[in-house]
Protein backbone atom coordinates (compact mmCIF):
# COMPACT_ATOMS: atom_id res chain seq x y z
CA MET A 1 -2.20 -13.01 17.74
CA ALA A 2 -2.95 -10.12 19.97
CA ALA A 3 -2.25 -11.89 22.66
CA LYS A 4 1.57 -12.13 21.69
CA LEU A 5 2.45 -9.09 20.66
CA LEU A 6 4.37 -6.33 22.81
CA PRO A 7 1.80 -3.46 24.15
CA GLN A 8 4.43 -1.27 21.97
CA ALA A 9 3.61 -3.37 18.90
CA VAL A 10 -0.07 -3.01 19.29
CA GLU A 11 0.25 0.92 19.62
CA ALA A 12 2.35 1.38 16.67
CA ILE A 13 -0.23 -0.91 14.63
CA LEU A 14 -3.32 1.15 15.89
CA GLN A 15 -1.41 4.41 14.91
CA LEU A 16 -2.08 3.09 11.18
CA SER A 17 -5.10 3.69 9.29
CA GLN A 18 -8.28 1.76 8.84
CA SER A 19 -10.55 1.31 6.22
CA PRO A 20 -13.84 1.73 6.77
CA ARG A 21 -14.52 -1.53 5.20
CA HIS A 22 -12.67 -3.26 8.04
CA GLY A 23 -14.70 -1.66 10.83
CA ASP A 24 -15.68 1.96 12.08
CA PRO A 25 -12.49 3.89 11.91
CA LYS A 26 -13.49 6.00 15.20
CA MET A 27 -13.76 2.08 16.91
CA GLN A 28 -10.17 1.25 15.13
CA THR A 29 -9.73 -2.64 16.01
CA LEU A 30 -6.16 -4.49 15.42
CA LEU A 31 -7.65 -7.02 12.90
CA GLY A 32 -9.43 -3.93 11.16
CA THR A 33 -6.30 -2.21 10.87
CA TRP A 34 -4.56 -5.45 9.91
CA GLN A 35 -6.94 -6.05 7.13
CA THR A 36 -6.40 -2.57 5.61
CA ASN A 37 -2.22 -2.53 6.27
CA ALA A 38 -1.05 -6.03 5.61
CA LEU A 39 1.62 -6.52 3.00
CA PRO A 40 2.34 -9.75 1.22
CA ILE A 41 5.38 -11.51 2.53
CA ASN A 42 5.07 -14.49 -0.01
CA TYR A 43 4.32 -13.38 -3.57
CA GLU A 44 2.79 -16.58 -4.79
CA SER A 45 -0.39 -15.42 -2.57
CA VAL A 46 -0.55 -12.19 -4.79
CA ALA A 47 -0.24 -13.76 -8.06
CA ARG A 48 -3.69 -13.72 -8.86
CA PRO A 49 -4.73 -10.17 -9.97
CA GLY A 50 -7.55 -8.59 -7.86
CA THR A 51 -6.06 -10.09 -4.70
CA THR A 52 -7.35 -7.70 -1.83
CA ASN A 53 -5.52 -6.79 1.57
CA SER A 54 -8.57 -8.69 3.10
CA GLN A 55 -7.44 -11.91 1.49
CA LEU A 56 -4.12 -11.36 2.09
CA ALA A 57 -4.57 -10.49 5.82
CA SER A 58 -6.35 -13.95 6.17
CA THR A 59 -3.42 -15.78 5.00
CA LYS A 60 -0.10 -16.43 7.13
CA ASP A 61 1.77 -14.96 4.03
CA ALA A 62 0.93 -11.18 5.34
CA ALA A 63 2.86 -8.90 7.84
CA ILE A 64 2.48 -5.23 9.03
CA PHE A 65 5.72 -2.92 8.68
CA THR A 66 4.68 0.03 10.81
CA SER A 67 7.29 2.34 8.95
CA ILE A 68 6.51 1.01 5.44
CA CYS A 69 2.91 0.94 5.85
CA ARG A 70 3.07 5.02 6.43
CA ILE A 71 4.34 5.24 2.74
CA ASN A 72 1.27 7.23 0.72
CA HIS A 73 0.01 5.68 -2.28
CA SER A 74 -0.14 6.86 -5.86
CA CYS A 75 -1.06 5.40 -9.16
CA ALA A 76 2.34 6.34 -10.50
CA PRO A 77 4.61 5.65 -7.62
CA ASN A 78 8.16 6.86 -7.39
CA ALA A 79 9.12 3.76 -5.16
CA TYR A 80 7.70 0.10 -4.43
CA ALA A 81 7.97 -2.41 -1.28
CA GLU A 82 8.25 -5.93 -1.68
CA TRP A 83 9.45 -8.92 0.70
CA ASN A 84 12.82 -9.87 0.49
CA GLY A 85 13.08 -13.39 1.59
CA ARG A 86 16.72 -13.74 1.57
CA LEU A 87 16.76 -10.95 4.07
CA ARG A 88 13.36 -11.80 5.77
CA ARG A 89 12.42 -7.78 5.62
CA GLU A 90 10.17 -5.83 3.27
CA THR A 91 12.32 -3.63 1.39
CA VAL A 92 11.60 -0.33 -0.70
CA HIS A 93 13.19 0.30 -4.06
CA ALA A 94 13.04 3.79 -5.89
CA VAL A 95 11.75 3.23 -9.47
CA CYS A 96 13.23 6.62 -10.62
CA HIS A 97 15.32 9.14 -9.26
CA ILE A 98 13.45 10.38 -6.32
CA PRO A 99 14.89 14.35 -5.53
CA ALA A 100 15.73 15.11 -2.11
CA GLY A 101 12.39 16.43 -0.06
CA GLN A 102 10.13 14.70 -2.28
CA GLU A 103 7.59 12.20 -0.63
CA LEU A 104 8.19 8.56 -1.49
CA THR A 105 4.97 6.82 -2.72
CA ILE A 106 4.09 3.14 -3.45
CA SER A 107 1.14 1.59 -5.25
CA TYR A 108 -1.23 -0.25 -2.77
CA LEU A 109 -3.00 -1.88 -6.23
CA PRO A 110 -3.10 -5.21 -6.88
CA PRO A 111 -0.65 -6.28 -10.03
CA GLY A 112 -2.10 -6.25 -13.43
CA GLY A 113 -3.23 -2.33 -13.71
CA MET A 114 -6.74 -0.75 -13.70
CA GLU A 115 -8.41 1.94 -15.55
CA ARG A 116 -9.00 5.02 -13.23
CA GLN A 117 -12.78 4.43 -12.66
CA ALA A 118 -11.88 0.97 -11.28
CA ARG A 119 -8.61 2.20 -9.61
CA GLN A 120 -10.65 4.84 -7.42
CA ALA A 121 -13.55 2.08 -6.77
CA TRP A 122 -10.66 -0.27 -5.30
CA LEU A 123 -8.79 2.43 -3.25
CA MET A 124 -12.08 3.38 -1.85
CA ALA A 125 -13.45 -0.10 -0.95
CA GLU A 126 -10.16 -1.28 0.39
CA HIS A 127 -8.61 1.49 2.09
CA GLY A 128 -11.37 4.09 2.10
CA PHE A 129 -9.59 6.89 0.48
CA THR A 130 -10.48 8.50 -2.92
CA CYS A 131 -6.82 8.85 -4.84
CA HIS A 132 -5.89 12.46 -5.92
CA CYS A 133 -2.35 11.56 -7.44
CA LYS A 134 -0.95 12.79 -10.75
CA ARG A 135 -2.14 10.00 -12.80
CA CYS A 136 -5.69 10.18 -11.34
CA SER A 137 -5.94 13.95 -11.72
CA LEU A 138 -5.23 13.88 -15.70
CA MET A 139 -7.66 15.07 -17.57
CA GLY A 140 -8.94 14.08 -21.22
CA ASP A 141 -5.65 13.27 -23.30
CA ALA A 142 -2.93 14.73 -20.80
CA PRO A 143 -0.05 12.56 -20.74
CA LEU A 144 1.45 11.44 -17.40
CA GLU A 145 4.74 12.67 -17.05
CA TRP A 146 6.88 9.74 -16.31
CA VAL A 147 10.41 10.58 -14.41
CA GLN A 148 13.16 8.48 -16.05
CA PRO A 149 15.95 6.83 -13.75
CA ASN A 150 18.72 9.12 -13.73
CA SER A 151 17.25 11.80 -15.66
CA GLY A 152 17.67 14.45 -13.40
CA LYS A 153 14.08 15.40 -12.93
């Protein structure tokens, strides 16, 4: 695979993060970066809850999009990314009103939902970070303030 990539593509991919699970981040590799960042381009491959990036990266049904892979994670995202087979492109869609200047976020989690402890463990194992989003920072019975589409919030 790497032999077919242009040097600029290899450089762009290696500028993305690499989870410690996929090798020493100080010795970043193309494969480790691929395993950390690959996004599905065939949603039948992620229909099973719990599918990991490593499993996606081991199929031909995944790709790296160097701009979209830079969008940070939130367990309460304001956007989502998905493969558009008709356009043959990864597309990003807002799920609520996003004020100018607010960061776009997507969820890196597999479908199906998880409680906080499971989310934290999965994100650490797959991506090498602890999530500090609004949802993960909730304490006790505090409600998550969801921003409704077109609400102006």
